[in-house]
Amino acid sequence: MKPAITIEYCPKCNWMLRAAYMAQELLSTFNNDIYGVTLQPSETPGKYNIRINDVVLFDRKEQGRFPEIKELKQLVRDVVNPDKSLGHADTNVT
């Protein structure tokens, strides 16, 4: 079974649009590699994390920031299809 991605976001912080944008980017890039992307409103204030199945891939509170889309694609690729080329998104993230 293909992995499922969940983006959990704080709706009170108005982060739904950011979550939807990231979901769209992941679905476009990994359409054949993932089962889907779920947007999950969090009941925890300030929460924004991205999971593949039940493994946290990125947590805003731990990192102190949101992921850059290139960085997120690289993190997802490394789990779901390590041999996949991301083209220009494969350059180093600073």
PDB file of N, CA and C in Angstrom:
ATOM      1  N   MET A   1       0.841  -1.186   0.000  1.00  0.00           N
ATOM      2  CA  MET A   1       0.000   0.000   0.000  1.00  0.00           C
ATOM      3  C   MET A   1       0.889   1.253   0.000  1.00  0.00           C
ATOM      4  N   LYS A   2       0.472   2.242  -0.764  1.00  0.00           N
ATOM      5  CA  LYS A   2       1.227   3.491  -0.850  1.00  0.00           C
ATOM      6  C   LYS A   2       1.095   4.280   0.448  1.00  0.00           C
ATOM      7  N   PRO A   3       2.147   5.039   0.797  1.00  0.00           N
ATOM      8  CA  PRO A   3       2.076   5.839   2.025  1.00  0.00           C
ATOM      9  C   PRO A   3       1.090   6.995   1.907  1.00  0.00           C
ATOM     10  N   ALA A   4       0.505   7.350   3.050  1.00  0.00           N
ATOM     11  CA  ALA A   4      -0.431   8.474   3.125  1.00  0.00           C
ATOM     12  C   ALA A   4       0.227   9.607   3.895  1.00  0.00           C
ATOM     13  N   ILE A   5       0.027  10.823   3.411  1.00  0.00           N
ATOM     14  CA  ILE A   5       0.586  12.008   4.046  1.00  0.00           C
ATOM     15  C   ILE A   5      -0.539  12.764   4.746  1.00  0.00           C
ATOM     16  N   THR A   6      -0.256  13.236   5.953  1.00  0.00           N
ATOM     17  CA  THR A   6      -1.210  14.056   6.695  1.00  0.00           C
ATOM     18  C   THR A   6      -0.534  15.374   7.051  1.00  0.00           C
ATOM     19  N   ILE A   7      -1.208  16.462   6.749  1.00  0.00           N
ATOM     20  CA  ILE A   7      -0.744  17.779   7.173  1.00  0.00           C
ATOM     21  C   ILE A   7      -1.723  18.252   8.238  1.00  0.00           C
ATOM     22  N   GLU A   8      -1.234  18.325   9.477  1.00  0.00           N
ATOM     23  CA  GLU A   8      -2.049  18.783  10.594  1.00  0.00           C
ATOM     24  C   GLU A   8      -1.706  20.241  10.856  1.00  0.00           C
ATOM     25  N   TYR A   9      -2.719  21.078  10.860  1.00  0.00           N
ATOM     26  CA  TYR A   9      -2.495  22.521  10.952  1.00  0.00           C
ATOM     27  C   TYR A   9      -3.460  23.154  11.950  1.00  0.00           C
ATOM     28  N   CYS A  10      -3.074  24.306  12.458  1.00  0.00           N
ATOM     29  CA  CYS A  10      -3.913  25.058  13.395  1.00  0.00           C
ATOM     30  C   CYS A  10      -4.861  25.962  12.603  1.00  0.00           C
ATOM     31  N   PRO A  11      -6.164  25.686  12.634  1.00  0.00           N
ATOM     32  CA  PRO A  11      -7.099  26.537  11.895  1.00  0.00           C
ATOM     33  C   PRO A  11      -7.239  27.932  12.500  1.00  0.00           C
ATOM     34  N   LYS A  12      -7.023  28.057  13.817  1.00  0.00           N
ATOM     35  CA  LYS A  12      -7.127  29.357  14.468  1.00  0.00           C
ATOM     36  C   LYS A  12      -5.985  30.286  14.064  1.00  0.00           C
ATOM     37  N   CYS A  13      -4.877  29.680  13.606  1.00  0.00           N
ATOM     38  CA  CYS A  13      -3.727  30.466  13.143  1.00  0.00           C
ATOM     39  C   CYS A  13      -3.840  30.812  11.657  1.00  0.00           C
ATOM     40  N   ASN A  14      -4.942  30.391  11.024  1.00  0.00           N
ATOM     41  CA  ASN A  14      -5.174  30.625   9.593  1.00  0.00           C
ATOM     42  C   ASN A  14      -4.115  29.968   8.713  1.00  0.00           C
ATOM     43  N   TRP A  15      -3.734  28.746   9.055  1.00  0.00           N
ATOM     44  CA  TRP A  15      -2.712  28.030   8.292  1.00  0.00           C
ATOM     45  C   TRP A  15      -3.302  27.034   7.295  1.00  0.00           C
ATOM     46  N   MET A  16      -4.623  27.042   7.110  1.00  0.00           N
ATOM     47  CA  MET A  16      -5.237  26.112   6.168  1.00  0.00           C
ATOM     48  C   MET A  16      -4.752  26.355   4.739  1.00  0.00           C
ATOM     49  N   LEU A  17      -4.628  27.609   4.332  1.00  0.00           N
ATOM     50  CA  LEU A  17      -4.188  27.909   2.975  1.00  0.00           C
ATOM     51  C   LEU A  17      -2.778  27.389   2.725  1.00  0.00           C
ATOM     52  N   ARG A  18      -1.896  27.555   3.708  1.00  0.00           N
ATOM     53  CA  ARG A  18      -0.527  27.039   3.607  1.00  0.00           C
ATOM     54  C   ARG A  18      -0.551  25.515   3.479  1.00  0.00           C
ATOM     55  N   ALA A  19      -1.371  24.861   4.301  1.00  0.00           N
ATOM     56  CA  ALA A  19      -1.481  23.407   4.267  1.00  0.00           C
ATOM     57  C   ALA A  19      -2.021  22.934   2.916  1.00  0.00           C
ATOM     58  N   ALA A  20      -3.021  23.634   2.387  1.00  0.00           N
ATOM     59  CA  ALA A  20      -3.606  23.267   1.098  1.00  0.00           C
ATOM     60  C   ALA A  20      -2.593  23.439  -0.031  1.00  0.00           C
ATOM     61  N   TYR A  21      -1.804  24.506   0.019  1.00  0.00           N
ATOM     62  CA  TYR A  21      -0.766  24.726  -0.986  1.00  0.00           C
ATOM     63  C   TYR A  21       0.257  23.590  -0.948  1.00  0.00           C
ATOM     64  N   MET A  22       0.701  23.235   0.251  1.00  0.00           N
ATOM     65  CA  MET A  22       1.688  22.161   0.366  1.00  0.00           C
ATOM     66  C   MET A  22       1.102  20.831  -0.092  1.00  0.00           C
ATOM     67  N   ALA A  23      -0.158  20.587   0.220  1.00  0.00           N
ATOM     68  CA  ALA A  23      -0.818  19.356  -0.224  1.00  0.00           C
ATOM     69  C   ALA A  23      -0.861  19.297  -1.752  1.00  0.00           C
ATOM     70  N   GLN A  24      -1.220  20.412  -2.382  1.00  0.00           N
ATOM     71  CA  GLN A  24      -1.287  20.466  -3.849  1.00  0.00           C
ATOM     72  C   GLN A  24       0.080  20.190  -4.465  1.00  0.00           C
ATOM     73  N   GLU A  25       1.113  20.772  -3.902  1.00  0.00           N
ATOM     74  CA  GLU A  25       2.478  20.549  -4.409  1.00  0.00           C
ATOM     75  C   GLU A  25       2.890  19.087  -4.264  1.00  0.00           C
ATOM     76  N   LEU A  26       2.574  18.488  -3.132  1.00  0.00           N
ATOM     77  CA  LEU A  26       2.930  17.085  -2.914  1.00  0.00           C
ATOM     78  C   LEU A  26       2.137  16.161  -3.828  1.00  0.00           C
ATOM     79  N   LEU A  27       0.849  16.446  -4.010  1.00  0.00           N
ATOM     80  CA  LEU A  27       0.038  15.626  -4.910  1.00  0.00           C
ATOM     81  C   LEU A  27       0.519  15.738  -6.354  1.00  0.00           C
ATOM     82  N   SER A  28       0.935  16.923  -6.758  1.00  0.00           N
ATOM     83  CA  SER A  28       1.433  17.116  -8.127  1.00  0.00           C
ATOM     84  C   SER A  28       2.752  16.386  -8.350  1.00  0.00           C
ATOM     85  N   THR A  29       3.613  16.430  -7.356  1.00  0.00           N
ATOM     86  CA  THR A  29       4.944  15.840  -7.498  1.00  0.00           C
ATOM     87  C   THR A  29       4.939  14.332  -7.303  1.00  0.00           C
ATOM     88  N   PHE A  30       4.123  13.843  -6.388  1.00  0.00           N
ATOM     89  CA  PHE A  30       4.166  12.421  -6.013  1.00  0.00           C
ATOM     90  C   PHE A  30       2.868  11.683  -6.333  1.00  0.00           C
ATOM     91  N   ASN A  31       2.186  12.089  -7.392  1.00  0.00           N
ATOM     92  CA  ASN A  31       0.876  11.523  -7.719  1.00  0.00           C
ATOM     93  C   ASN A  31       0.891   9.997  -7.857  1.00  0.00           C
ATOM     94  N   ASN A  32       1.997   9.402  -8.310  1.00  0.00           N
ATOM     95  CA  ASN A  32       2.068   7.947  -8.459  1.00  0.00           C
ATOM     96  C   ASN A  32       2.721   7.256  -7.273  1.00  0.00           C
ATOM     97  N   ASP A  33       3.221   8.032  -6.322  1.00  0.00           N
ATOM     98  CA  ASP A  33       4.002   7.457  -5.222  1.00  0.00           C
ATOM     99  C   ASP A  33       3.274   7.447  -3.886  1.00  0.00           C
ATOM    100  N   ILE A  34       2.179   8.197  -3.752  1.00  0.00           N
ATOM    101  CA  ILE A  34       1.484   8.290  -2.469  1.00  0.00           C
ATOM    102  C   ILE A  34       0.004   7.955  -2.630  1.00  0.00           C
ATOM    103  N   TYR A  35      -0.593   7.555  -1.534  1.00  0.00           N
ATOM    104  CA  TYR A  35      -2.020   7.249  -1.515  1.00  0.00           C
ATOM    105  C   TYR A  35      -2.842   8.531  -1.582  1.00  0.00           C
ATOM    106  N   GLY A  36      -2.355   9.566  -0.890  1.00  0.00           N
ATOM    107  CA  GLY A  36      -3.063  10.839  -0.871  1.00  0.00           C
ATOM    108  C   GLY A  36      -2.520  11.740   0.221  1.00  0.00           C
ATOM    109  N   VAL A  37      -3.086  12.939   0.285  1.00  0.00           N
ATOM    110  CA  VAL A  37      -2.722  13.912   1.317  1.00  0.00           C
ATOM    111  C   VAL A  37      -3.999  14.330   2.034  1.00  0.00           C
ATOM    112  N   THR A  38      -3.979  14.234   3.342  1.00  0.00           N
ATOM    113  CA  THR A  38      -5.115  14.624   4.166  1.00  0.00           C
ATOM    114  C   THR A  38      -4.783  15.906   4.908  1.00  0.00           C
ATOM    115  N   LEU A  39      -5.711  16.852   4.887  1.00  0.00           N
ATOM    116  CA  LEU A  39      -5.573  18.060   5.696  1.00  0.00           C
ATOM    117  C   LEU A  39      -6.364  17.827   6.970  1.00  0.00           C
ATOM    118  N   GLN A  40      -5.692  17.966   8.107  1.00  0.00           N
ATOM    119  CA  GLN A  40      -6.322  17.679   9.393  1.00  0.00           C
ATOM    120  C   GLN A  40      -6.250  18.901  10.299  1.00  0.00           C
ATOM    121  N   PRO A  41      -7.384  19.574  10.539  1.00  0.00           N
ATOM    122  CA  PRO A  41      -7.383  20.684  11.492  1.00  0.00           C
ATOM    123  C   PRO A  41      -7.010  20.170  12.879  1.00  0.00           C
ATOM    124  N   SER A  42      -6.105  20.868  13.536  1.00  0.00           N
ATOM    125  CA  SER A  42      -5.639  20.461  14.855  1.00  0.00           C
ATOM    126  C   SER A  42      -6.428  21.168  15.946  1.00  0.00           C
ATOM    127  N   GLU A  43      -6.602  20.489  17.056  1.00  0.00           N
ATOM    128  CA  GLU A  43      -7.215  21.116  18.220  1.00  0.00           C
ATOM    129  C   GLU A  43      -6.154  21.738  19.114  1.00  0.00           C
ATOM    130  N   THR A  44      -4.871  21.515  18.776  1.00  0.00           N
ATOM    131  CA  THR A  44      -3.761  22.072  19.540  1.00  0.00           C
ATOM    132  C   THR A  44      -3.341  23.391  18.903  1.00  0.00           C
ATOM    133  N   PRO A  45      -3.429  24.483  19.636  1.00  0.00           N
ATOM    134  CA  PRO A  45      -3.045  25.792  19.077  1.00  0.00           C
ATOM    135  C   PRO A  45      -1.584  25.801  18.597  1.00  0.00           C
ATOM    136  N   GLY A  46      -1.375  26.389  17.429  1.00  0.00           N
ATOM    137  CA  GLY A  46      -0.030  26.550  16.892  1.00  0.00           C
ATOM    138  C   GLY A  46       0.572  25.314  16.262  1.00  0.00           C
ATOM    139  N   LYS A  47      -0.186  24.249  16.150  1.00  0.00           N
ATOM    140  CA  LYS A  47       0.356  22.998  15.617  1.00  0.00           C
ATOM    141  C   LYS A  47       0.383  23.010  14.095  1.00  0.00           C
ATOM    142  N   TYR A  48       1.516  22.563  13.553  1.00  0.00           N
ATOM    143  CA  TYR A  48       1.660  22.372  12.107  1.00  0.00           C
ATOM    144  C   TYR A  48       2.707  21.293  11.922  1.00  0.00           C
ATOM    145  N   ASN A  49       2.249  20.102  11.582  1.00  0.00           N
ATOM    146  CA  ASN A  49       3.213  19.052  11.300  1.00  0.00           C
ATOM    147  C   ASN A  49       2.785  18.240  10.102  1.00  0.00           C
ATOM    148  N   ILE A  50       3.760  17.551   9.547  1.00  0.00           N
ATOM    149  CA  ILE A  50       3.535  16.753   8.354  1.00  0.00           C
ATOM    150  C   ILE A  50       4.004  15.345   8.672  1.00  0.00           C
ATOM    151  N   ARG A  51       3.102  14.379   8.438  1.00  0.00           N
ATOM    152  CA  ARG A  51       3.399  12.984   8.739  1.00  0.00           C
ATOM    153  C   ARG A  51       3.238  12.129   7.491  1.00  0.00           C
ATOM    154  N   ILE A  52       4.049  11.103   7.431  1.00  0.00           N
ATOM    155  CA  ILE A  52       3.847  10.041   6.449  1.00  0.00           C
ATOM    156  C   ILE A  52       3.455   8.826   7.274  1.00  0.00           C
ATOM    157  N   ASN A  53       2.245   8.343   7.014  1.00  0.00           N
ATOM    158  CA  ASN A  53       1.608   7.349   7.866  1.00  0.00           C
ATOM    159  C   ASN A  53       1.622   7.917   9.288  1.00  0.00           C
ATOM    160  N   ASP A  54       2.276   7.291  10.239  1.00  0.00           N
ATOM    161  CA  ASP A  54       2.263   7.826  11.602  1.00  0.00           C
ATOM    162  C   ASP A  54       3.605   8.416  12.015  1.00  0.00           C
ATOM    163  N   VAL A  55       4.518   8.578  11.073  1.00  0.00           N
ATOM    164  CA  VAL A  55       5.856   9.089  11.370  1.00  0.00           C
ATOM    165  C   VAL A  55       5.913  10.586  11.049  1.00  0.00           C
ATOM    166  N   VAL A  56       6.298  11.383  12.040  1.00  0.00           N
ATOM    167  CA  VAL A  56       6.393  12.831  11.835  1.00  0.00           C
ATOM    168  C   VAL A  56       7.612  13.125  10.962  1.00  0.00           C
ATOM    169  N   LEU A  57       7.349  13.798   9.852  1.00  0.00           N
ATOM    170  CA  LEU A  57       8.396  14.168   8.911  1.00  0.00           C
ATOM    171  C   LEU A  57       8.911  15.568   9.205  1.00  0.00           C
ATOM    172  N   PHE A  58       8.008  16.451   9.593  1.00  0.00           N
ATOM    173  CA  PHE A  58       8.386  17.836   9.893  1.00  0.00           C
ATOM    174  C   PHE A  58       7.426  18.384  10.936  1.00  0.00           C
ATOM    175  N   ASP A  59       7.979  19.018  11.968  1.00  0.00           N
ATOM    176  CA  ASP A  59       7.173  19.630  13.017  1.00  0.00           C
ATOM    177  C   ASP A  59       7.610  21.081  13.173  1.00  0.00           C
ATOM    178  N   ARG A  60       6.676  21.996  12.972  1.00  0.00           N
ATOM    179  CA  ARG A  60       6.990  23.428  13.030  1.00  0.00           C
ATOM    180  C   ARG A  60       7.551  23.843  14.374  1.00  0.00           C
ATOM    181  N   LYS A  61       6.996  23.316  15.458  1.00  0.00           N
ATOM    182  CA  LYS A  61       7.476  23.711  16.786  1.00  0.00           C
ATOM    183  C   LYS A  61       8.899  23.224  17.034  1.00  0.00           C
ATOM    184  N   GLU A  62       9.213  22.006  16.607  1.00  0.00           N
ATOM    185  CA  GLU A  62      10.570  21.483  16.783  1.00  0.00           C
ATOM    186  C   GLU A  62      11.579  22.257  15.944  1.00  0.00           C
ATOM    187  N   GLN A  63      11.190  22.594  14.716  1.00  0.00           N
ATOM    188  CA  GLN A  63      12.108  23.269  13.795  1.00  0.00           C
ATOM    189  C   GLN A  63      12.123  24.780  13.990  1.00  0.00           C
ATOM    190  N   GLY A  64      11.067  25.315  14.599  1.00  0.00           N
ATOM    191  CA  GLY A  64      10.980  26.757  14.801  1.00  0.00           C
ATOM    192  C   GLY A  64      10.636  27.530  13.542  1.00  0.00           C
ATOM    193  N   ARG A  65      10.083  26.820  12.552  1.00  0.00           N
ATOM    194  CA  ARG A  65       9.764  27.439  11.265  1.00  0.00           C
ATOM    195  C   ARG A  65       8.890  26.474  10.461  1.00  0.00           C
ATOM    196  N   PHE A  66       8.388  26.977   9.334  1.00  0.00           N
ATOM    197  CA  PHE A  66       7.683  26.128   8.381  1.00  0.00           C
ATOM    198  C   PHE A  66       8.695  25.564   7.387  1.00  0.00           C
ATOM    199  N   PRO A  67       8.403  24.421   6.775  1.00  0.00           N
ATOM    200  CA  PRO A  67       9.332  23.901   5.768  1.00  0.00           C
ATOM    201  C   PRO A  67       9.226  24.684   4.459  1.00  0.00           C
ATOM    202  N   GLU A  68      10.330  24.837   3.798  1.00  0.00           N
ATOM    203  CA  GLU A  68      10.316  25.344   2.423  1.00  0.00           C
ATOM    204  C   GLU A  68       9.776  24.210   1.554  1.00  0.00           C
ATOM    205  N   ILE A  69       9.099  24.534   0.470  1.00  0.00           N
ATOM    206  CA  ILE A  69       8.478  23.490  -0.352  1.00  0.00           C
ATOM    207  C   ILE A  69       9.527  22.554  -0.956  1.00  0.00           C
ATOM    208  N   LYS A  70      10.680  23.103  -1.362  1.00  0.00           N
ATOM    209  CA  LYS A  70      11.748  22.243  -1.891  1.00  0.00           C
ATOM    210  C   LYS A  70      12.218  21.257  -0.839  1.00  0.00           C
ATOM    211  N   GLU A  71      12.380  21.755   0.374  1.00  0.00           N
ATOM    212  CA  GLU A  71      12.817  20.918   1.484  1.00  0.00           C
ATOM    213  C   GLU A  71      11.787  19.821   1.760  1.00  0.00           C
ATOM    214  N   LEU A  72      10.515  20.194   1.773  1.00  0.00           N
ATOM    215  CA  LEU A  72       9.460  19.230   2.039  1.00  0.00           C
ATOM    216  C   LEU A  72       9.432  18.139   0.965  1.00  0.00           C
ATOM    217  N   LYS A  73       9.556  18.535  -0.275  1.00  0.00           N
ATOM    218  CA  LYS A  73       9.567  17.547  -1.357  1.00  0.00           C
ATOM    219  C   LYS A  73      10.742  16.591  -1.217  1.00  0.00           C
ATOM    220  N   GLN A  74      11.887  17.109  -0.819  1.00  0.00           N
ATOM    221  CA  GLN A  74      13.052  16.243  -0.626  1.00  0.00           C
ATOM    222  C   GLN A  74      12.812  15.261   0.525  1.00  0.00           C
ATOM    223  N   LEU A  75      12.243  15.742   1.620  1.00  0.00           N
ATOM    224  CA  LEU A  75      11.952  14.870   2.766  1.00  0.00           C
ATOM    225  C   LEU A  75      10.966  13.767   2.382  1.00  0.00           C
ATOM    226  N   VAL A  76       9.915  14.138   1.661  1.00  0.00           N
ATOM    227  CA  VAL A  76       8.922  13.152   1.231  1.00  0.00           C
ATOM    228  C   VAL A  76       9.541  12.172   0.241  1.00  0.00           C
ATOM    229  N   ARG A  77      10.261  12.681  -0.730  1.00  0.00           N
ATOM    230  CA  ARG A  77      10.900  11.821  -1.728  1.00  0.00           C
ATOM    231  C   ARG A  77      11.802  10.790  -1.071  1.00  0.00           C
ATOM    232  N   ASP A  78      12.582  11.209  -0.072  1.00  0.00           N
ATOM    233  CA  ASP A  78      13.515  10.298   0.585  1.00  0.00           C
ATOM    234  C   ASP A  78      12.809   9.131   1.256  1.00  0.00           C
ATOM    235  N   VAL A  79      11.537   9.292   1.585  1.00  0.00           N
ATOM    236  CA  VAL A  79      10.760   8.218   2.201  1.00  0.00           C
ATOM    237  C   VAL A  79       9.987   7.418   1.158  1.00  0.00           C
ATOM    238  N   VAL A  80       9.299   8.088   0.242  1.00  0.00           N
ATOM    239  CA  VAL A  80       8.365   7.383  -0.645  1.00  0.00           C
ATOM    240  C   VAL A  80       8.995   6.853  -1.928  1.00  0.00           C
ATOM    241  N   ASN A  81      10.036   7.519  -2.430  1.00  0.00           N
ATOM    242  CA  ASN A  81      10.672   7.084  -3.679  1.00  0.00           C
ATOM    243  C   ASN A  81      12.072   7.689  -3.773  1.00  0.00           C
ATOM    244  N   PRO A  82      13.039   7.123  -3.028  1.00  0.00           N
ATOM    245  CA  PRO A  82      14.380   7.718  -2.941  1.00  0.00           C
ATOM    246  C   PRO A  82      15.087   7.909  -4.287  1.00  0.00           C
ATOM    247  N   ASP A  83      14.711   7.157  -5.304  1.00  0.00           N
ATOM    248  CA  ASP A  83      15.370   7.272  -6.612  1.00  0.00           C
ATOM    249  C   ASP A  83      14.745   8.332  -7.508  1.00  0.00           C
ATOM    250  N   LYS A  84      13.657   8.943  -7.071  1.00  0.00           N
ATOM    251  CA  LYS A  84      12.940   9.919  -7.895  1.00  0.00           C
ATOM    252  C   LYS A  84      13.737  11.222  -8.006  1.00  0.00           C
ATOM    253  N   SER A  85      13.847  11.717  -9.216  1.00  0.00           N
ATOM    254  CA  SER A  85      14.478  13.013  -9.447  1.00  0.00           C
ATOM    255  C   SER A  85      13.429  14.108  -9.257  1.00  0.00           C
ATOM    256  N   LEU A  86      13.827  15.147  -8.550  1.00  0.00           N
ATOM    257  CA  LEU A  86      12.934  16.284  -8.345  1.00  0.00           C
ATOM    258  C   LEU A  86      13.310  17.459  -9.232  1.00  0.00           C
ATOM    259  N   GLY A  87      14.180  17.230 -10.188  1.00  0.00           N
ATOM    260  CA  GLY A  87      14.587  18.300 -11.097  1.00  0.00           C
ATOM    261  C   GLY A  87      15.228  19.446 -10.345  1.00  0.00           C
ATOM    262  N   HIS A  88      14.753  20.669 -10.570  1.00  0.00           N
ATOM    263  CA  HIS A  88      15.343  21.835  -9.942  1.00  0.00           C
ATOM    264  C   HIS A  88      15.160  21.836  -8.419  1.00  0.00           C
ATOM    265  N   ALA A  89      14.231  21.070  -7.912  1.00  0.00           N
ATOM    266  CA  ALA A  89      14.026  21.000  -6.465  1.00  0.00           C
ATOM    267  C   ALA A  89      15.033  20.098  -5.771  1.00  0.00           C
ATOM    268  N   ASP A  90      15.928  19.501  -6.555  1.00  0.00           N
ATOM    269  CA  ASP A  90      16.973  18.643  -5.974  1.00  0.00           C
ATOM    270  C   ASP A  90      18.209  19.419  -5.549  1.00  0.00           C
ATOM    271  N   THR A  91      18.242  20.716  -5.771  1.00  0.00           N
ATOM    272  CA  THR A  91      19.386  21.500  -5.332  1.00  0.00           C
ATOM    273  C   THR A  91      19.355  21.643  -3.816  1.00  0.00           C
ATOM    274  N   ASN A  92      20.482  21.935  -3.234  1.00  0.00           N
ATOM    275  CA  ASN A  92      20.579  22.065  -1.786  1.00  0.00           C
ATOM    276  C   ASN A  92      19.687  23.171  -1.264  1.00  0.00           C
ATOM    277  N   VAL A  93      19.038  22.901  -0.135  1.00  0.00           N
ATOM    278  CA  VAL A  93      18.225  23.897   0.545  1.00  0.00           C
ATOM    279  C   VAL A  93      19.110  24.523   1.616  1.00  0.00           C
ATOM    280  N   THR A  94      19.166  25.862   1.637  1.00  0.00           N
ATOM    281  CA  THR A  94      20.012  26.527   2.637  1.00  0.00           C
ATOM    282  C   THR A  94      19.209  27.040   3.784  1.00  0.00           C
TER     283      THR A  94
END
